[in-house]
Amino acid sequence: MADESTQSITVDAPAEAIMAVIADFAAYPRWANAVKSAEVRSTDARGRGAEVAFTLDAGPFKDEYTLGYEWADDGLSVSWSLVEGQMQRAQKGSYVLRPHGGSTEVVYTLSVQLAVPMIGLFRRKAEKMIMDTALKELKRRVERG
């Protein structure tokens, strides 16, 4: 897999509240602007999304893809990888939550490999923009309740 990008943000909420928002895929279209639909296709033994299909419209980047999720038992991390996609050949990502008193640092790592060639510099720039937007939207959603 290609290089990965990592960003973090501090959210004024406990890790459990943040992970609840991350796990509520049906609500993504209401707060994650680029996500037009999210459908849980299968769940794990605890009822969390194990395979989720997304429709994404981020301006010039539109895609329909399915991600497979693995949830940590401690409730502090989740990782995913691409199951199938139209515009992507591969995707790996994770959220790791690090509680600090009443707030939580959210560390987001992402690597995307598109089906069409893209210069590494531009790909990393696009990943950083996607991650920055996703983290800010997640923070806003969690802190507003």
N, C-alpha and C. Protein backbone atom coordinates (compact mmCIF):
# COMPACT_ATOMS: atom_id res chain seq x y z
N MET A 1 0.86 -1.18 0.00
CA MET A 1 0.00 0.00 0.00
C MET A 1 0.90 1.22 0.00
N ALA A 2 0.41 2.27 -0.58
CA ALA A 2 1.15 3.53 -0.67
C ALA A 2 1.31 4.17 0.70
N ASP A 3 2.05 5.28 0.72
CA ASP A 3 2.25 6.02 1.96
C ASP A 3 0.90 6.37 2.58
N GLU A 4 0.94 6.55 3.92
CA GLU A 4 -0.27 6.95 4.61
C GLU A 4 -0.10 8.33 5.19
N SER A 5 -1.23 8.99 5.41
CA SER A 5 -1.25 10.31 6.03
C SER A 5 -1.92 10.19 7.39
N THR A 6 -1.47 11.00 8.34
CA THR A 6 -2.04 10.98 9.68
C THR A 6 -2.29 12.41 10.15
N GLN A 7 -3.46 12.62 10.75
CA GLN A 7 -3.80 13.90 11.37
C GLN A 7 -4.54 13.62 12.67
N SER A 8 -4.58 14.62 13.54
CA SER A 8 -5.33 14.45 14.78
C SER A 8 -6.03 15.75 15.15
N ILE A 9 -7.01 15.60 16.03
CA ILE A 9 -7.78 16.73 16.54
C ILE A 9 -8.22 16.37 17.96
N THR A 10 -8.37 17.38 18.80
CA THR A 10 -8.87 17.14 20.15
C THR A 10 -10.35 17.50 20.20
N VAL A 11 -11.15 16.58 20.72
CA VAL A 11 -12.60 16.75 20.81
C VAL A 11 -12.96 16.83 22.29
N ASP A 12 -13.78 17.80 22.63
CA ASP A 12 -14.21 17.98 24.02
C ASP A 12 -15.36 17.03 24.35
N ALA A 13 -15.01 15.74 24.43
CA ALA A 13 -15.99 14.70 24.74
C ALA A 13 -15.24 13.43 25.12
N PRO A 14 -15.90 12.53 25.85
CA PRO A 14 -15.26 11.25 26.17
C PRO A 14 -15.17 10.36 24.93
N ALA A 15 -14.24 9.44 24.96
CA ALA A 15 -14.02 8.53 23.83
C ALA A 15 -15.28 7.77 23.43
N GLU A 16 -16.09 7.37 24.44
CA GLU A 16 -17.31 6.59 24.14
C GLU A 16 -18.27 7.38 23.26
N ALA A 17 -18.40 8.68 23.52
CA ALA A 17 -19.31 9.52 22.72
C ALA A 17 -18.79 9.66 21.29
N ILE A 18 -17.49 9.77 21.14
CA ILE A 18 -16.89 9.91 19.80
C ILE A 18 -17.06 8.60 19.03
N MET A 19 -16.76 7.48 19.68
CA MET A 19 -16.88 6.19 18.99
C MET A 19 -18.33 5.91 18.62
N ALA A 20 -19.28 6.37 19.42
CA ALA A 20 -20.70 6.19 19.08
C ALA A 20 -21.05 6.93 17.79
N VAL A 21 -20.50 8.12 17.61
CA VAL A 21 -20.74 8.88 16.37
C VAL A 21 -20.06 8.19 15.20
N ILE A 22 -18.83 7.73 15.39
CA ILE A 22 -18.12 7.03 14.31
C ILE A 22 -18.88 5.78 13.88
N ALA A 23 -19.47 5.07 14.83
CA ALA A 23 -20.15 3.80 14.54
C ALA A 23 -21.55 3.98 13.97
N ASP A 24 -22.12 5.19 14.05
CA ASP A 24 -23.49 5.44 13.57
C ASP A 24 -23.46 5.81 12.09
N PHE A 25 -23.22 4.81 11.25
CA PHE A 25 -23.06 5.05 9.82
C PHE A 25 -24.30 5.65 9.17
N ALA A 26 -25.47 5.25 9.61
CA ALA A 26 -26.72 5.76 9.02
C ALA A 26 -26.81 7.28 9.13
N ALA A 27 -26.17 7.86 10.14
CA ALA A 27 -26.24 9.31 10.34
C ALA A 27 -25.18 10.08 9.54
N TYR A 28 -24.21 9.40 8.94
CA TYR A 28 -23.14 10.11 8.22
C TYR A 28 -23.65 11.13 7.21
N PRO A 29 -24.64 10.82 6.39
CA PRO A 29 -25.09 11.81 5.40
C PRO A 29 -25.62 13.11 6.02
N ARG A 30 -26.00 13.08 7.30
CA ARG A 30 -26.51 14.28 7.96
C ARG A 30 -25.40 15.21 8.44
N TRP A 31 -24.18 14.69 8.64
CA TRP A 31 -23.12 15.54 9.16
C TRP A 31 -21.81 15.48 8.38
N ALA A 32 -21.59 14.47 7.60
CA ALA A 32 -20.37 14.38 6.78
C ALA A 32 -20.76 14.80 5.36
N ASN A 33 -20.43 16.02 5.00
CA ASN A 33 -20.94 16.63 3.77
C ASN A 33 -20.72 15.81 2.50
N ALA A 34 -19.59 15.14 2.37
CA ALA A 34 -19.30 14.40 1.14
C ALA A 34 -20.04 13.06 1.06
N VAL A 35 -20.50 12.55 2.20
CA VAL A 35 -21.17 11.24 2.23
C VAL A 35 -22.64 11.43 1.88
N LYS A 36 -23.03 10.87 0.75
CA LYS A 36 -24.42 10.98 0.30
C LYS A 36 -25.28 9.83 0.81
N SER A 37 -24.65 8.66 1.02
CA SER A 37 -25.37 7.53 1.63
C SER A 37 -24.36 6.59 2.27
N ALA A 38 -24.83 5.89 3.30
CA ALA A 38 -24.03 4.88 4.00
C ALA A 38 -24.98 3.78 4.43
N GLU A 39 -24.71 2.57 3.98
CA GLU A 39 -25.59 1.44 4.27
C GLU A 39 -24.79 0.31 4.90
N VAL A 40 -25.18 -0.08 6.11
CA VAL A 40 -24.52 -1.21 6.77
C VAL A 40 -25.00 -2.48 6.12
N ARG A 41 -24.07 -3.23 5.54
CA ARG A 41 -24.42 -4.48 4.86
C ARG A 41 -24.28 -5.70 5.75
N SER A 42 -23.39 -5.61 6.74
CA SER A 42 -23.26 -6.69 7.72
C SER A 42 -22.72 -6.10 9.02
N THR A 43 -22.98 -6.82 10.12
CA THR A 43 -22.54 -6.36 11.44
C THR A 43 -21.71 -7.44 12.11
N ASP A 44 -20.95 -7.00 13.13
CA ASP A 44 -20.18 -7.96 13.92
C ASP A 44 -21.07 -8.49 15.05
N ALA A 45 -20.49 -9.30 15.93
CA ALA A 45 -21.25 -9.92 17.02
C ALA A 45 -21.85 -8.89 17.97
N ARG A 46 -21.28 -7.69 18.03
CA ARG A 46 -21.80 -6.64 18.92
C ARG A 46 -22.75 -5.68 18.20
N GLY A 47 -23.08 -5.97 16.94
CA GLY A 47 -24.01 -5.13 16.20
C GLY A 47 -23.39 -3.92 15.53
N ARG A 48 -22.06 -3.84 15.52
CA ARG A 48 -21.37 -2.72 14.87
C ARG A 48 -21.16 -3.04 13.40
N GLY A 49 -21.12 -2.02 12.56
CA GLY A 49 -20.93 -2.22 11.13
C GLY A 49 -19.64 -2.96 10.83
N ALA A 50 -19.75 -4.08 10.13
CA ALA A 50 -18.58 -4.86 9.73
C ALA A 50 -18.28 -4.60 8.26
N GLU A 51 -19.34 -4.37 7.47
CA GLU A 51 -19.18 -4.03 6.06
C GLU A 51 -20.20 -2.94 5.75
N VAL A 52 -19.69 -1.82 5.24
CA VAL A 52 -20.54 -0.65 5.01
C VAL A 52 -20.30 -0.11 3.61
N ALA A 53 -21.41 0.11 2.88
CA ALA A 53 -21.35 0.65 1.52
C ALA A 53 -21.59 2.16 1.57
N PHE A 54 -20.75 2.91 0.88
CA PHE A 54 -20.83 4.37 0.86
C PHE A 54 -21.01 4.88 -0.56
N THR A 55 -21.71 6.00 -0.67
CA THR A 55 -21.73 6.81 -1.89
C THR A 55 -21.14 8.15 -1.50
N LEU A 56 -20.08 8.54 -2.20
CA LEU A 56 -19.33 9.74 -1.86
C LEU A 56 -19.38 10.72 -3.03
N ASP A 57 -19.60 12.00 -2.70
CA ASP A 57 -19.54 13.06 -3.71
C ASP A 57 -18.76 14.22 -3.10
N ALA A 58 -17.46 14.24 -3.38
CA ALA A 58 -16.57 15.29 -2.86
C ALA A 58 -16.10 16.15 -4.02
N GLY A 59 -17.06 16.75 -4.74
CA GLY A 59 -16.71 17.60 -5.87
C GLY A 59 -16.18 16.77 -7.03
N PRO A 60 -14.89 16.93 -7.35
CA PRO A 60 -14.34 16.18 -8.49
C PRO A 60 -14.17 14.69 -8.20
N PHE A 61 -14.24 14.29 -6.94
CA PHE A 61 -14.08 12.88 -6.58
C PHE A 61 -15.42 12.31 -6.16
N LYS A 62 -15.96 11.42 -7.00
CA LYS A 62 -17.21 10.73 -6.70
C LYS A 62 -16.91 9.23 -6.73
N ASP A 63 -17.51 8.50 -5.81
CA ASP A 63 -17.24 7.07 -5.77
C ASP A 63 -18.34 6.34 -5.02
N GLU A 64 -18.48 5.08 -5.34
CA GLU A 64 -19.30 4.14 -4.57
C GLU A 64 -18.35 3.02 -4.18
N TYR A 65 -18.30 2.74 -2.87
CA TYR A 65 -17.34 1.75 -2.39
C TYR A 65 -17.84 1.12 -1.10
N THR A 66 -17.24 -0.01 -0.76
CA THR A 66 -17.59 -0.74 0.46
C THR A 66 -16.33 -0.93 1.28
N LEU A 67 -16.44 -0.64 2.58
CA LEU A 67 -15.34 -0.82 3.51
C LEU A 67 -15.65 -1.92 4.51
N GLY A 68 -14.62 -2.66 4.89
CA GLY A 68 -14.71 -3.67 5.94
C GLY A 68 -14.09 -3.11 7.21
N TYR A 69 -14.80 -3.19 8.33
CA TYR A 69 -14.38 -2.58 9.60
C TYR A 69 -13.98 -3.63 10.63
N GLU A 70 -12.95 -3.28 11.44
CA GLU A 70 -12.53 -4.09 12.58
C GLU A 70 -12.50 -3.17 13.79
N TRP A 71 -13.28 -3.50 14.80
CA TRP A 71 -13.44 -2.69 16.01
C TRP A 71 -12.62 -3.27 17.15
N ALA A 72 -11.83 -2.45 17.83
CA ALA A 72 -11.05 -2.91 18.98
C ALA A 72 -11.98 -3.16 20.16
N ASP A 73 -11.70 -4.20 20.92
CA ASP A 73 -12.52 -4.55 22.07
C ASP A 73 -12.54 -3.46 23.14
N ASP A 74 -11.46 -2.66 23.23
CA ASP A 74 -11.40 -1.62 24.26
C ASP A 74 -12.20 -0.36 23.90
N GLY A 75 -12.76 -0.33 22.68
CA GLY A 75 -13.57 0.82 22.27
C GLY A 75 -12.77 2.06 21.93
N LEU A 76 -11.45 1.92 21.78
CA LEU A 76 -10.61 3.08 21.52
C LEU A 76 -10.04 3.14 20.11
N SER A 77 -10.39 2.17 19.27
CA SER A 77 -9.92 2.26 17.88
C SER A 77 -10.80 1.44 16.96
N VAL A 78 -10.78 1.84 15.71
CA VAL A 78 -11.45 1.11 14.65
C VAL A 78 -10.58 1.27 13.40
N SER A 79 -10.47 0.20 12.64
CA SER A 79 -9.72 0.28 11.39
C SER A 79 -10.58 -0.28 10.27
N TRP A 80 -10.23 0.08 9.04
CA TRP A 80 -11.01 -0.38 7.91
C TRP A 80 -10.11 -0.56 6.70
N SER A 81 -10.64 -1.31 5.73
CA SER A 81 -9.96 -1.48 4.45
C SER A 81 -11.02 -1.64 3.36
N LEU A 82 -10.61 -1.36 2.15
CA LEU A 82 -11.52 -1.41 1.01
C LEU A 82 -11.88 -2.85 0.68
N VAL A 83 -13.18 -3.10 0.55
CA VAL A 83 -13.68 -4.39 0.11
C VAL A 83 -13.87 -4.35 -1.40
N GLU A 84 -14.53 -3.28 -1.88
CA GLU A 84 -14.70 -3.06 -3.31
C GLU A 84 -14.97 -1.59 -3.55
N GLY A 85 -14.57 -1.12 -4.73
CA GLY A 85 -14.79 0.27 -5.07
C GLY A 85 -14.69 0.48 -6.57
N GLN A 86 -15.18 1.60 -7.02
CA GLN A 86 -15.12 1.94 -8.43
C GLN A 86 -13.87 2.75 -8.76
N MET A 87 -13.64 3.81 -7.98
CA MET A 87 -12.52 4.72 -8.24
C MET A 87 -11.27 4.38 -7.43
N GLN A 88 -11.41 3.50 -6.43
CA GLN A 88 -10.29 3.16 -5.56
C GLN A 88 -9.83 1.73 -5.80
N ARG A 89 -8.53 1.56 -5.77
CA ARG A 89 -7.96 0.23 -5.86
C ARG A 89 -7.69 -0.30 -4.44
N ALA A 90 -7.42 0.62 -3.51
CA ALA A 90 -7.17 0.23 -2.13
C ALA A 90 -7.45 1.41 -1.21
N GLN A 91 -7.84 1.10 0.02
CA GLN A 91 -8.00 2.11 1.07
C GLN A 91 -7.78 1.41 2.41
N LYS A 92 -6.97 2.03 3.24
CA LYS A 92 -6.78 1.56 4.62
C LYS A 92 -6.86 2.79 5.49
N GLY A 93 -7.53 2.64 6.62
CA GLY A 93 -7.64 3.77 7.52
C GLY A 93 -7.92 3.33 8.93
N SER A 94 -7.82 4.29 9.85
CA SER A 94 -8.14 3.99 11.24
C SER A 94 -8.40 5.28 12.00
N TYR A 95 -9.20 5.14 13.05
CA TYR A 95 -9.35 6.15 14.08
C TYR A 95 -8.82 5.53 15.36
N VAL A 96 -7.94 6.25 16.05
CA VAL A 96 -7.46 5.83 17.36
C VAL A 96 -7.80 6.96 18.32
N LEU A 97 -8.48 6.62 19.41
CA LEU A 97 -8.92 7.61 20.40
C LEU A 97 -8.01 7.54 21.63
N ARG A 98 -7.54 8.72 22.05
CA ARG A 98 -6.65 8.81 23.21
C ARG A 98 -7.27 9.76 24.23
N PRO A 99 -7.95 9.21 25.24
CA PRO A 99 -8.59 10.06 26.26
C PRO A 99 -7.57 10.88 27.05
N HIS A 100 -7.93 12.13 27.32
CA HIS A 100 -7.12 13.05 28.13
C HIS A 100 -8.08 13.82 29.03
N GLY A 101 -8.36 13.28 30.22
CA GLY A 101 -9.31 13.94 31.10
C GLY A 101 -10.70 13.91 30.49
N GLY A 102 -11.33 15.08 30.32
CA GLY A 102 -12.67 15.15 29.74
C GLY A 102 -12.67 15.25 28.22
N SER A 103 -11.49 15.38 27.61
CA SER A 103 -11.41 15.47 26.15
C SER A 103 -10.70 14.24 25.60
N THR A 104 -10.71 14.12 24.27
CA THR A 104 -10.12 12.96 23.62
C THR A 104 -9.40 13.41 22.36
N GLU A 105 -8.18 12.93 22.19
CA GLU A 105 -7.46 13.16 20.93
C GLU A 105 -7.90 12.07 19.96
N VAL A 106 -8.31 12.49 18.76
CA VAL A 106 -8.71 11.56 17.71
C VAL A 106 -7.61 11.57 16.65
N VAL A 107 -6.97 10.41 16.45
CA VAL A 107 -5.91 10.28 15.46
C VAL A 107 -6.47 9.51 14.28
N TYR A 108 -6.43 10.13 13.11
CA TYR A 108 -7.00 9.57 11.88
C TYR A 108 -5.85 9.27 10.93
N THR A 109 -5.74 8.03 10.49
CA THR A 109 -4.72 7.62 9.54
C THR A 109 -5.44 7.10 8.29
N LEU A 110 -4.94 7.50 7.12
CA LEU A 110 -5.61 7.13 5.87
C LEU A 110 -4.59 6.94 4.77
N SER A 111 -4.83 5.93 3.95
CA SER A 111 -4.08 5.71 2.73
C SER A 111 -5.07 5.27 1.65
N VAL A 112 -5.05 5.96 0.54
CA VAL A 112 -5.97 5.65 -0.56
C VAL A 112 -5.15 5.48 -1.83
N GLN A 113 -5.45 4.42 -2.55
CA GLN A 113 -4.83 4.20 -3.86
C GLN A 113 -5.94 4.19 -4.89
N LEU A 114 -5.91 5.17 -5.79
CA LEU A 114 -6.95 5.28 -6.80
C LEU A 114 -6.70 4.33 -7.97
N ALA A 115 -7.77 4.00 -8.68
CA ALA A 115 -7.67 3.13 -9.85
C ALA A 115 -6.94 3.83 -10.98
N VAL A 116 -7.03 5.15 -11.02
CA VAL A 116 -6.31 5.93 -12.04
C VAL A 116 -5.02 6.46 -11.40
N PRO A 117 -3.94 6.52 -12.14
CA PRO A 117 -2.68 7.00 -11.57
C PRO A 117 -2.79 8.46 -11.10
N MET A 118 -2.13 8.75 -9.99
CA MET A 118 -2.09 10.11 -9.47
C MET A 118 -0.72 10.32 -8.85
N ILE A 119 -0.11 11.44 -9.12
CA ILE A 119 1.19 11.77 -8.56
C ILE A 119 1.08 11.75 -7.04
N GLY A 120 2.06 11.14 -6.38
CA GLY A 120 2.05 10.97 -4.93
C GLY A 120 1.79 12.26 -4.17
N LEU A 121 2.40 13.36 -4.60
CA LEU A 121 2.23 14.64 -3.93
C LEU A 121 0.76 15.07 -3.94
N PHE A 122 0.09 14.92 -5.09
CA PHE A 122 -1.31 15.30 -5.19
C PHE A 122 -2.20 14.36 -4.38
N ARG A 123 -1.86 13.07 -4.38
CA ARG A 123 -2.65 12.10 -3.62
C ARG A 123 -2.58 12.42 -2.13
N ARG A 124 -1.37 12.69 -1.63
CA ARG A 124 -1.20 13.02 -0.21
C ARG A 124 -1.92 14.32 0.14
N LYS A 125 -1.89 15.28 -0.77
CA LYS A 125 -2.58 16.54 -0.53
C LYS A 125 -4.10 16.30 -0.45
N ALA A 126 -4.62 15.46 -1.33
CA ALA A 126 -6.05 15.13 -1.31
C ALA A 126 -6.41 14.38 -0.03
N GLU A 127 -5.56 13.42 0.39
CA GLU A 127 -5.80 12.69 1.63
C GLU A 127 -5.86 13.65 2.81
N LYS A 128 -4.92 14.59 2.87
CA LYS A 128 -4.87 15.54 3.98
C LYS A 128 -6.12 16.42 4.02
N MET A 129 -6.60 16.84 2.83
CA MET A 129 -7.81 17.65 2.76
C MET A 129 -9.02 16.84 3.24
N ILE A 130 -9.12 15.60 2.79
CA ILE A 130 -10.22 14.72 3.19
C ILE A 130 -10.20 14.51 4.70
N MET A 131 -9.01 14.24 5.23
CA MET A 131 -8.87 13.98 6.66
C MET A 131 -9.18 15.22 7.49
N ASP A 132 -8.69 16.36 7.06
CA ASP A 132 -8.94 17.61 7.78
C ASP A 132 -10.44 17.88 7.87
N THR A 133 -11.12 17.74 6.74
CA THR A 133 -12.57 17.95 6.70
C THR A 133 -13.29 16.93 7.59
N ALA A 134 -12.90 15.66 7.47
CA ALA A 134 -13.56 14.61 8.25
C ALA A 134 -13.39 14.84 9.75
N LEU A 135 -12.19 15.21 10.17
CA LEU A 135 -11.96 15.45 11.61
C LEU A 135 -12.75 16.65 12.11
N LYS A 136 -12.78 17.72 11.35
CA LYS A 136 -13.53 18.91 11.77
C LYS A 136 -15.03 18.62 11.84
N GLU A 137 -15.54 17.86 10.86
CA GLU A 137 -16.96 17.51 10.87
C GLU A 137 -17.29 16.58 12.04
N LEU A 138 -16.39 15.63 12.32
CA LEU A 138 -16.59 14.73 13.46
C LEU A 138 -16.60 15.52 14.76
N LYS A 139 -15.66 16.41 14.94
CA LYS A 139 -15.59 17.24 16.14
C LYS A 139 -16.87 18.04 16.32
N ARG A 140 -17.32 18.69 15.25
CA ARG A 140 -18.53 19.50 15.30
C ARG A 140 -19.73 18.64 15.67
N ARG A 141 -19.85 17.47 15.06
CA ARG A 141 -20.99 16.58 15.33
C ARG A 141 -20.99 16.11 16.79
N VAL A 142 -19.85 15.69 17.29
CA VAL A 142 -19.77 15.17 18.66
C VAL A 142 -20.04 16.29 19.67
N GLU A 143 -19.40 17.43 19.48
CA GLU A 143 -19.52 18.50 20.46
C GLU A 143 -20.89 19.17 20.46
N ARG A 144 -21.61 19.08 19.35
CA ARG A 144 -22.97 19.63 19.30
C ARG A 144 -24.02 18.64 19.77
N GLY A 145 -23.61 17.37 19.83
CA GLY A 145 -24.53 16.34 20.35
C GLY A 145 -25.52 15.83 19.40
